[in-house]
Amino acid sequence: MNILIVEDEKLAVRKLTKLLEEVAPDFVIKGATPSIEATVEWISENRAAGESEPDIIFLDIELADGQSFEIFNRIEIKSTVIFTTSYDEYALQAFKVKSVDYLLKPVQKEDLLRSINKYYDLTSARLAPSPSALPTDIETILRKLHQAPVEYRKRFLVKQGARMLSVETSEIAFFYIDEGLCFFKNHQGQKFVVDYKMEELDEFLDPARFFRINRGIIVTHQAVTQMQPYYNNRLALTLKPAFEKEAIVSRERVNDFKNWMGK
């Protein structure tokens, strides 16, 4: 069984690879691509070389250069697709393309196994999900997403001199990367280092309260005091407490950020 992983976070690729090794050791990961452009190129080159199509593509929705639905506009996808994402609002759109499941990050082993079994059930019967069956699938998935909330991080243990402090997430204004280290500032402007990568924080933090505006900054609603248009269809934010660098919302995240700020 050949697999292609489309995911722009290296940590997420490693975690999914590890899960696949545990639940489906016979699967062969043929490639991992981080963007729309790279995925289209990989599939084109794979076909030109006469290689077989991947049996399954695990496809993240939010990629570095846009939403992965654009891939379907650029090239014919012959493989079965299983979507992975941190957001549940794309479920309806996901089922309009050739997908059999929709996994919410962080991907759990039992959910991944369910998706693989669903793929086997469909392919062994040589059937594709009928249009009349899709609404039931969508409703089931959405119901599960909303009825089984993820446990998000409530506090972080940090150092302050020789002391250790437990800081509630409600006290945190924003996280950011500086010279390879991850920090956060609380609402009083105090700065603390945290021993996590941004990709890990993406999984720990409640997306209703925290939003990753680019690869190096995660903000809360309370921290954003002003938004201004920025070149290349981006947004420049003013943060409180003061942030010494630019806080720019990347182009592909602007629409989601505006929706998040309005909730």
C-alpha atoms as a PDB file:
ATOM      1  CA  MET A   1       0.000   0.000   0.000  1.00  0.00           C
ATOM      2  CA  ASN A   2       1.650   3.221  -1.182  1.00  0.00           C
ATOM      3  CA  ILE A   3       1.114   6.455   0.727  1.00  0.00           C
ATOM      4  CA  LEU A   4       1.727  10.143  -0.001  1.00  0.00           C
ATOM      5  CA  ILE A   5       1.646  12.593   2.916  1.00  0.00           C
ATOM      6  CA  VAL A   6       0.876  16.222   2.102  1.00  0.00           C
ATOM      7  CA  GLU A   7       1.730  18.289   5.182  1.00  0.00           C
ATOM      8  CA  ASP A   8       3.757  21.477   5.704  1.00  0.00           C
ATOM      9  CA  GLU A   9       4.765  20.827   9.321  1.00  0.00           C
ATOM     10  CA  LYS A  10       7.700  18.434   9.676  1.00  0.00           C
ATOM     11  CA  LEU A  11       6.666  17.429  13.176  1.00  0.00           C
ATOM     12  CA  ALA A  12       3.198  16.479  11.937  1.00  0.00           C
ATOM     13  CA  VAL A  13       4.765  14.372   9.155  1.00  0.00           C
ATOM     14  CA  ARG A  14       6.895  12.531  11.714  1.00  0.00           C
ATOM     15  CA  LYS A  15       3.925  11.912  14.017  1.00  0.00           C
ATOM     16  CA  LEU A  16       1.696  10.627  11.226  1.00  0.00           C
ATOM     17  CA  THR A  17       4.523   8.424   9.930  1.00  0.00           C
ATOM     18  CA  LYS A  18       4.988   6.939  13.388  1.00  0.00           C
ATOM     19  CA  LEU A  19       1.256   6.264  13.758  1.00  0.00           C
ATOM     20  CA  LEU A  20       1.125   4.597  10.345  1.00  0.00           C
ATOM     21  CA  GLU A  21       4.072   2.382  11.285  1.00  0.00           C
ATOM     22  CA  GLU A  22       2.139   1.281  14.373  1.00  0.00           C
ATOM     23  CA  VAL A  23      -1.294   0.640  12.837  1.00  0.00           C
ATOM     24  CA  ALA A  24      -0.325  -0.296   9.255  1.00  0.00           C
ATOM     25  CA  PRO A  25       3.288  -1.520   9.085  1.00  0.00           C
ATOM     26  CA  ASP A  26       2.779  -2.792   5.526  1.00  0.00           C
ATOM     27  CA  PHE A  27       2.177   0.736   4.244  1.00  0.00           C
ATOM     28  CA  VAL A  28       5.021   2.314   2.260  1.00  0.00           C
ATOM     29  CA  ILE A  29       5.352   6.085   2.440  1.00  0.00           C
ATOM     30  CA  LYS A  30       6.467   7.045  -1.058  1.00  0.00           C
ATOM     31  CA  GLY A  31       6.776  10.754  -0.392  1.00  0.00           C
ATOM     32  CA  ALA A  32       5.915  13.773   1.717  1.00  0.00           C
ATOM     33  CA  THR A  33       5.217  17.167   0.163  1.00  0.00           C
ATOM     34  CA  PRO A  34       4.769  20.497   2.005  1.00  0.00           C
ATOM     35  CA  SER A  35       2.755  22.602  -0.445  1.00  0.00           C
ATOM     36  CA  ILE A  36       0.280  22.736  -3.325  1.00  0.00           C
ATOM     37  CA  GLU A  37       3.075  23.366  -5.823  1.00  0.00           C
ATOM     38  CA  ALA A  38       5.272  20.554  -4.524  1.00  0.00           C
ATOM     39  CA  THR A  39       2.365  18.092  -4.496  1.00  0.00           C
ATOM     40  CA  VAL A  40       1.326  18.823  -8.061  1.00  0.00           C
ATOM     41  CA  GLU A  41       4.974  18.482  -9.132  1.00  0.00           C
ATOM     42  CA  TRP A  42       5.422  15.196  -7.220  1.00  0.00           C
ATOM     43  CA  ILE A  43       2.315  13.614  -8.738  1.00  0.00           C
ATOM     44  CA  SER A  44       3.243  14.790 -12.253  1.00  0.00           C
ATOM     45  CA  GLU A  45       6.798  13.458 -11.985  1.00  0.00           C
ATOM     46  CA  ASN A  46       5.551  10.183 -10.466  1.00  0.00           C
ATOM     47  CA  ARG A  47       3.222   9.647 -13.423  1.00  0.00           C
ATOM     48  CA  ALA A  48       5.850  10.659 -15.971  1.00  0.00           C
ATOM     49  CA  ALA A  49       8.173   8.024 -14.500  1.00  0.00           C
ATOM     50  CA  GLY A  50       5.465   5.383 -14.924  1.00  0.00           C
ATOM     51  CA  GLU A  51       5.092   4.828 -11.187  1.00  0.00           C
ATOM     52  CA  SER A  52       1.786   3.660  -9.750  1.00  0.00           C
ATOM     53  CA  GLU A  53      -0.493   6.188  -8.104  1.00  0.00           C
ATOM     54  CA  PRO A  54      -0.434   6.380  -4.292  1.00  0.00           C
ATOM     55  CA  ASP A  55      -3.245   4.271  -2.865  1.00  0.00           C
ATOM     56  CA  ILE A  56      -3.969   6.888  -0.207  1.00  0.00           C
ATOM     57  CA  ILE A  57      -3.031  10.554   0.104  1.00  0.00           C
ATOM     58  CA  PHE A  58      -3.134  11.964   3.628  1.00  0.00           C
ATOM     59  CA  LEU A  59      -3.865  15.587   2.828  1.00  0.00           C
ATOM     60  CA  ASP A  60      -3.571  18.520   5.221  1.00  0.00           C
ATOM     61  CA  ILE A  61      -5.930  21.353   4.295  1.00  0.00           C
ATOM     62  CA  GLU A  62      -3.974  24.436   5.378  1.00  0.00           C
ATOM     63  CA  LEU A  63      -0.648  24.406   3.507  1.00  0.00           C
ATOM     64  CA  ALA A  64       2.100  26.990   3.234  1.00  0.00           C
ATOM     65  CA  ASP A  65       0.860  28.267  -0.143  1.00  0.00           C
ATOM     66  CA  GLY A  66      -2.895  27.978   0.385  1.00  0.00           C
ATOM     67  CA  GLN A  67      -5.668  25.444   0.931  1.00  0.00           C
ATOM     68  CA  SER A  68      -5.036  22.003  -0.520  1.00  0.00           C
ATOM     69  CA  PHE A  69      -8.390  21.976  -2.333  1.00  0.00           C
ATOM     70  CA  GLU A  70      -6.528  23.931  -5.029  1.00  0.00           C
ATOM     71  CA  ILE A  71      -4.584  20.748  -5.867  1.00  0.00           C
ATOM     72  CA  PHE A  72      -7.785  19.244  -7.293  1.00  0.00           C
ATOM     73  CA  ASN A  73      -8.084  22.243  -9.629  1.00  0.00           C
ATOM     74  CA  ARG A  74      -4.501  21.826 -10.823  1.00  0.00           C
ATOM     75  CA  ILE A  75      -4.251  18.087 -11.442  1.00  0.00           C
ATOM     76  CA  GLU A  76      -6.458  14.991 -11.511  1.00  0.00           C
ATOM     77  CA  ILE A  77      -6.253  13.081  -8.253  1.00  0.00           C
ATOM     78  CA  LYS A  78      -6.751   9.345  -8.797  1.00  0.00           C
ATOM     79  CA  SER A  79      -5.854   8.294  -5.258  1.00  0.00           C
ATOM     80  CA  THR A  80      -8.185   7.988  -2.306  1.00  0.00           C
ATOM     81  CA  VAL A  81      -7.862  10.998   0.009  1.00  0.00           C
ATOM     82  CA  ILE A  82      -7.999  11.171   3.796  1.00  0.00           C
ATOM     83  CA  PHE A  83      -7.971  14.774   4.981  1.00  0.00           C
ATOM     84  CA  THR A  84      -6.153  15.900   8.127  1.00  0.00           C
ATOM     85  CA  THR A  85      -6.726  19.328   9.633  1.00  0.00           C
ATOM     86  CA  SER A  86      -6.911  21.348  12.843  1.00  0.00           C
ATOM     87  CA  TYR A  87     -10.322  22.773  11.925  1.00  0.00           C
ATOM     88  CA  ASP A  88     -13.727  21.174  11.460  1.00  0.00           C
ATOM     89  CA  GLU A  89     -15.301  23.819   9.205  1.00  0.00           C
ATOM     90  CA  TYR A  90     -13.910  22.208   6.023  1.00  0.00           C
ATOM     91  CA  ALA A  91     -15.749  18.880   6.397  1.00  0.00           C
ATOM     92  CA  LEU A  92     -18.494  19.684   3.901  1.00  0.00           C
ATOM     93  CA  GLN A  93     -15.995  20.894   1.300  1.00  0.00           C
ATOM     94  CA  ALA A  94     -13.747  17.875   1.882  1.00  0.00           C
ATOM     95  CA  PHE A  95     -16.491  15.418   0.997  1.00  0.00           C
ATOM     96  CA  LYS A  96     -17.056  17.097  -2.349  1.00  0.00           C
ATOM     97  CA  VAL A  97     -13.775  15.623  -3.579  1.00  0.00           C
ATOM     98  CA  LYS A  98     -12.572  12.018  -3.574  1.00  0.00           C
ATOM     99  CA  SER A  99     -12.142  11.541   0.154  1.00  0.00           C
ATOM    100  CA  VAL A 100     -13.224   8.778   2.507  1.00  0.00           C
ATOM    101  CA  ASP A 101     -12.537  10.443   5.835  1.00  0.00           C
ATOM    102  CA  TYR A 102     -11.642  13.630   7.662  1.00  0.00           C
ATOM    103  CA  LEU A 103      -9.278  13.443  10.640  1.00  0.00           C
ATOM    104  CA  LEU A 104      -9.023  16.230  13.168  1.00  0.00           C
ATOM    105  CA  LYS A 105      -5.543  17.009  14.488  1.00  0.00           C
ATOM    106  CA  PRO A 106      -3.925  15.843  16.643  1.00  0.00           C
ATOM    107  CA  VAL A 107      -4.626  12.570  14.833  1.00  0.00           C
ATOM    108  CA  GLN A 108      -5.444   9.756  17.244  1.00  0.00           C
ATOM    109  CA  LYS A 109      -4.428   6.141  16.611  1.00  0.00           C
ATOM    110  CA  GLU A 110      -7.973   4.791  16.832  1.00  0.00           C
ATOM    111  CA  ASP A 111      -9.253   7.412  14.364  1.00  0.00           C
ATOM    112  CA  LEU A 112      -6.452   6.645  11.912  1.00  0.00           C
ATOM    113  CA  LEU A 113      -7.193   2.924  12.144  1.00  0.00           C
ATOM    114  CA  ARG A 114     -10.901   3.615  11.543  1.00  0.00           C
ATOM    115  CA  SER A 115     -10.059   5.583   8.387  1.00  0.00           C
ATOM    116  CA  ILE A 116      -7.819   2.827   7.049  1.00  0.00           C
ATOM    117  CA  ASN A 117     -10.491   0.200   7.726  1.00  0.00           C
ATOM    118  CA  LYS A 118     -13.020   2.410   5.989  1.00  0.00           C
ATOM    119  CA  TYR A 119     -10.718   2.578   2.958  1.00  0.00           C
ATOM    120  CA  TYR A 120     -10.403  -1.232   2.919  1.00  0.00           C
ATOM    121  CA  ASP A 121     -14.167  -1.649   3.254  1.00  0.00           C
ATOM    122  CA  LEU A 122     -14.805   0.600   0.280  1.00  0.00           C
ATOM    123  CA  THR A 123     -12.068  -0.697  -2.000  1.00  0.00           C
ATOM    124  CA  SER A 124     -12.631  -4.376  -1.266  1.00  0.00           C
ATOM    125  CA  ALA A 125     -16.208  -3.938  -2.412  1.00  0.00           C
ATOM    126  CA  ARG A 126     -14.968  -1.856  -5.357  1.00  0.00           C
ATOM    127  CA  LEU A 127     -17.405   0.857  -4.381  1.00  0.00           C
ATOM    128  CA  ALA A 128     -17.152   4.594  -3.975  1.00  0.00           C
ATOM    129  CA  PRO A 129     -19.318   6.343  -1.404  1.00  0.00           C
ATOM    130  CA  SER A 130     -22.587   7.250  -3.096  1.00  0.00           C
ATOM    131  CA  PRO A 131     -23.772  10.877  -3.034  1.00  0.00           C
ATOM    132  CA  SER A 132     -26.766   9.876  -0.925  1.00  0.00           C
ATOM    133  CA  ALA A 133     -24.452   8.411   1.718  1.00  0.00           C
ATOM    134  CA  LEU A 134     -22.239  11.456   2.060  1.00  0.00           C
ATOM    135  CA  PRO A 135     -24.499  13.615   4.245  1.00  0.00           C
ATOM    136  CA  THR A 136     -24.697  10.823   6.817  1.00  0.00           C
ATOM    137  CA  ASP A 137     -20.908  10.511   6.812  1.00  0.00           C
ATOM    138  CA  ILE A 138     -20.500  14.243   7.239  1.00  0.00           C
ATOM    139  CA  GLU A 139     -23.054  14.453  10.013  1.00  0.00           C
ATOM    140  CA  THR A 140     -21.423  11.554  11.833  1.00  0.00           C
ATOM    141  CA  ILE A 141     -17.984  13.131  11.638  1.00  0.00           C
ATOM    142  CA  LEU A 142     -19.163  16.598  12.660  1.00  0.00           C
ATOM    143  CA  ARG A 143     -21.126  15.125  15.556  1.00  0.00           C
ATOM    144  CA  LYS A 144     -18.022  13.300  16.724  1.00  0.00           C
ATOM    145  CA  LEU A 145     -15.878  16.413  16.401  1.00  0.00           C
ATOM    146  CA  HIS A 146     -18.253  18.444  18.551  1.00  0.00           C
ATOM    147  CA  GLN A 147     -19.201  15.771  21.065  1.00  0.00           C
ATOM    148  CA  ALA A 148     -15.647  14.627  21.840  1.00  0.00           C
ATOM    149  CA  PRO A 149     -13.741  17.843  22.609  1.00  0.00           C
ATOM    150  CA  VAL A 150      -9.973  17.719  22.689  1.00  0.00           C
ATOM    151  CA  GLU A 151      -8.302  18.329  26.037  1.00  0.00           C
ATOM    152  CA  TYR A 152      -6.243  21.476  25.562  1.00  0.00           C
ATOM    153  CA  ARG A 153      -3.356  22.694  27.688  1.00  0.00           C
ATOM    154  CA  LYS A 154      -4.501  24.652  30.759  1.00  0.00           C
ATOM    155  CA  ARG A 155      -1.126  25.793  32.088  1.00  0.00           C
ATOM    156  CA  PHE A 156       2.637  25.805  31.448  1.00  0.00           C
ATOM    157  CA  LEU A 157       5.449  25.221  33.922  1.00  0.00           C
ATOM    158  CA  VAL A 158       8.194  27.825  33.377  1.00  0.00           C
ATOM    159  CA  LYS A 159      11.337  29.099  35.084  1.00  0.00           C
ATOM    160  CA  GLN A 160      11.677  32.507  36.694  1.00  0.00           C
ATOM    161  CA  GLY A 161      15.228  32.747  37.965  1.00  0.00           C
ATOM    162  CA  ALA A 162      15.700  29.869  40.366  1.00  0.00           C
ATOM    163  CA  ARG A 163      11.937  29.395  40.789  1.00  0.00           C
ATOM    164  CA  MET A 164       9.411  27.369  38.837  1.00  0.00           C
ATOM    165  CA  LEU A 165       6.048  28.938  38.062  1.00  0.00           C
ATOM    166  CA  SER A 166       2.801  27.458  36.780  1.00  0.00           C
ATOM    167  CA  VAL A 167       1.224  29.929  34.352  1.00  0.00           C
ATOM    168  CA  GLU A 168      -2.411  29.560  33.291  1.00  0.00           C
ATOM    169  CA  THR A 169      -3.015  29.764  29.534  1.00  0.00           C
ATOM    170  CA  SER A 170      -5.588  32.491  30.256  1.00  0.00           C
ATOM    171  CA  GLU A 171      -2.678  34.682  31.434  1.00  0.00           C
ATOM    172  CA  ILE A 172      -0.780  34.327  28.138  1.00  0.00           C
ATOM    173  CA  ALA A 173      -1.017  37.067  25.490  1.00  0.00           C
ATOM    174  CA  PHE A 174       1.047  35.506  22.697  1.00  0.00           C
ATOM    175  CA  PHE A 175       3.782  32.996  21.845  1.00  0.00           C
ATOM    176  CA  TYR A 176       6.690  33.725  19.499  1.00  0.00           C
ATOM    177  CA  ILE A 177       9.988  32.380  18.199  1.00  0.00           C
ATOM    178  CA  ASP A 178      13.205  34.315  18.818  1.00  0.00           C
ATOM    179  CA  GLU A 179      16.630  32.981  17.805  1.00  0.00           C
ATOM    180  CA  GLY A 180      15.363  29.423  17.705  1.00  0.00           C
ATOM    181  CA  LEU A 181      13.693  29.464  21.118  1.00  0.00           C
ATOM    182  CA  CYS A 182       9.979  29.669  21.873  1.00  0.00           C
ATOM    183  CA  PHE A 183       8.749  32.315  24.319  1.00  0.00           C
ATOM    184  CA  PHE A 184       5.471  33.701  25.532  1.00  0.00           C
ATOM    185  CA  LYS A 185       4.515  37.017  27.068  1.00  0.00           C
ATOM    186  CA  ASN A 186       1.788  37.285  29.661  1.00  0.00           C
ATOM    187  CA  HIS A 187      -0.669  40.176  29.689  1.00  0.00           C
ATOM    188  CA  GLN A 188       1.626  42.086  32.056  1.00  0.00           C
ATOM    189  CA  GLY A 189       4.477  41.915  29.537  1.00  0.00           C
ATOM    190  CA  GLN A 190       6.609  39.358  31.381  1.00  0.00           C
ATOM    191  CA  LYS A 191       8.577  37.065  29.089  1.00  0.00           C
ATOM    192  CA  PHE A 192       9.087  33.324  29.636  1.00  0.00           C
ATOM    193  CA  VAL A 193      10.749  30.582  27.602  1.00  0.00           C
ATOM    194  CA  VAL A 194       8.816  27.368  26.920  1.00  0.00           C
ATOM    195  CA  ASP A 195      10.412  24.090  25.921  1.00  0.00           C
ATOM    196  CA  TYR A 196       8.116  23.385  22.982  1.00  0.00           C
ATOM    197  CA  LYS A 197       8.071  23.895  19.245  1.00  0.00           C
ATOM    198  CA  MET A 198       5.348  25.953  17.575  1.00  0.00           C
ATOM    199  CA  GLU A 199       3.995  22.803  15.916  1.00  0.00           C
ATOM    200  CA  GLU A 200       3.524  21.209  19.343  1.00  0.00           C
ATOM    201  CA  LEU A 201       1.834  24.338  20.698  1.00  0.00           C
ATOM    202  CA  ASP A 202      -0.582  24.140  17.766  1.00  0.00           C
ATOM    203  CA  GLU A 203      -1.775  20.834  19.201  1.00  0.00           C
ATOM    204  CA  PHE A 204      -1.754  21.905  22.863  1.00  0.00           C
ATOM    205  CA  LEU A 205      -3.653  25.189  22.556  1.00  0.00           C
ATOM    206  CA  ASP A 206      -7.387  25.762  22.187  1.00  0.00           C
ATOM    207  CA  PRO A 207      -7.958  27.164  18.654  1.00  0.00           C
ATOM    208  CA  ALA A 208     -10.925  29.158  19.971  1.00  0.00           C
ATOM    209  CA  ARG A 209      -8.483  31.227  22.045  1.00  0.00           C
ATOM    210  CA  PHE A 210      -5.187  31.002  20.148  1.00  0.00           C
ATOM    211  CA  PHE A 211      -4.404  31.585  16.471  1.00  0.00           C
ATOM    212  CA  ARG A 212      -1.096  31.014  14.681  1.00  0.00           C
ATOM    213  CA  ILE A 213      -0.779  34.037  12.394  1.00  0.00           C
ATOM    214  CA  ASN A 214       2.462  32.813  10.793  1.00  0.00           C
ATOM    215  CA  ARG A 215       5.168  30.239  11.403  1.00  0.00           C
ATOM    216  CA  GLY A 216       6.616  32.161  14.333  1.00  0.00           C
ATOM    217  CA  ILE A 217       3.734  33.778  16.262  1.00  0.00           C
ATOM    218  CA  ILE A 218       0.581  32.551  18.016  1.00  0.00           C
ATOM    219  CA  VAL A 219      -1.740  35.262  19.366  1.00  0.00           C
ATOM    220  CA  THR A 220      -4.853  35.582  21.528  1.00  0.00           C
ATOM    221  CA  HIS A 221      -7.803  37.878  20.839  1.00  0.00           C
ATOM    222  CA  GLN A 222      -6.887  40.075  23.814  1.00  0.00           C
ATOM    223  CA  ALA A 223      -3.380  40.686  22.477  1.00  0.00           C
ATOM    224  CA  VAL A 224      -4.550  42.158  19.152  1.00  0.00           C
ATOM    225  CA  THR A 225      -5.229  45.888  19.530  1.00  0.00           C
ATOM    226  CA  GLN A 226      -5.009  46.954  15.882  1.00  0.00           C
ATOM    227  CA  MET A 227      -5.046  45.424  12.387  1.00  0.00           C
ATOM    228  CA  GLN A 228      -3.806  47.177   9.259  1.00  0.00           C
ATOM    229  CA  PRO A 229      -3.489  46.101   5.615  1.00  0.00           C
ATOM    230  CA  TYR A 230       0.032  45.026   4.696  1.00  0.00           C
ATOM    231  CA  TYR A 231       1.560  44.461   1.285  1.00  0.00           C
ATOM    232  CA  ASN A 232       1.000  41.195  -0.585  1.00  0.00           C
ATOM    233  CA  ASN A 233      -2.534  40.861   0.875  1.00  0.00           C
ATOM    234  CA  ARG A 234      -1.317  40.350   4.418  1.00  0.00           C
ATOM    235  CA  LEU A 235      -2.215  42.019   7.718  1.00  0.00           C
ATOM    236  CA  ALA A 236       0.038  43.830  10.181  1.00  0.00           C
ATOM    237  CA  LEU A 237      -0.996  43.559  13.836  1.00  0.00           C
ATOM    238  CA  THR A 238      -0.275  45.733  16.832  1.00  0.00           C
ATOM    239  CA  LEU A 239       0.012  43.597  19.929  1.00  0.00           C
ATOM    240  CA  LYS A 240      -0.380  44.300  23.631  1.00  0.00           C
ATOM    241  CA  PRO A 241       1.900  43.911  25.477  1.00  0.00           C
ATOM    242  CA  ALA A 242       4.367  45.423  23.023  1.00  0.00           C
ATOM    243  CA  PHE A 243       6.063  43.077  20.577  1.00  0.00           C
ATOM    244  CA  GLU A 244       9.491  44.190  19.405  1.00  0.00           C
ATOM    245  CA  LYS A 245       9.206  42.656  15.931  1.00  0.00           C
ATOM    246  CA  GLU A 246       6.599  42.746  13.181  1.00  0.00           C
ATOM    247  CA  ALA A 247       3.470  40.662  13.761  1.00  0.00           C
ATOM    248  CA  ILE A 248       2.313  39.829  10.234  1.00  0.00           C
ATOM    249  CA  VAL A 249      -0.602  37.543   9.359  1.00  0.00           C
ATOM    250  CA  SER A 250       0.560  35.403   6.418  1.00  0.00           C
ATOM    251  CA  ARG A 251      -1.481  35.727   3.242  1.00  0.00           C
ATOM    252  CA  GLU A 252      -2.918  32.210   3.316  1.00  0.00           C
ATOM    253  CA  ARG A 253      -4.144  32.700   6.909  1.00  0.00           C
ATOM    254  CA  VAL A 254      -5.745  36.142   6.560  1.00  0.00           C
ATOM    255  CA  ASN A 255      -9.300  34.949   5.867  1.00  0.00           C
ATOM    256  CA  ASP A 256      -9.237  32.385   8.664  1.00  0.00           C
ATOM    257  CA  PHE A 257      -7.771  34.995  11.020  1.00  0.00           C
ATOM    258  CA  LYS A 258     -10.539  37.484  10.230  1.00  0.00           C
ATOM    259  CA  ASN A 259     -13.158  34.812  10.827  1.00  0.00           C
ATOM    260  CA  TRP A 260     -11.478  33.850  14.101  1.00  0.00           C
ATOM    261  CA  MET A 261     -11.333  37.462  15.289  1.00  0.00           C
ATOM    262  CA  GLY A 262     -15.043  37.839  14.544  1.00  0.00           C
ATOM    263  CA  LYS A 263     -16.142  34.815  16.571  1.00  0.00           C
END
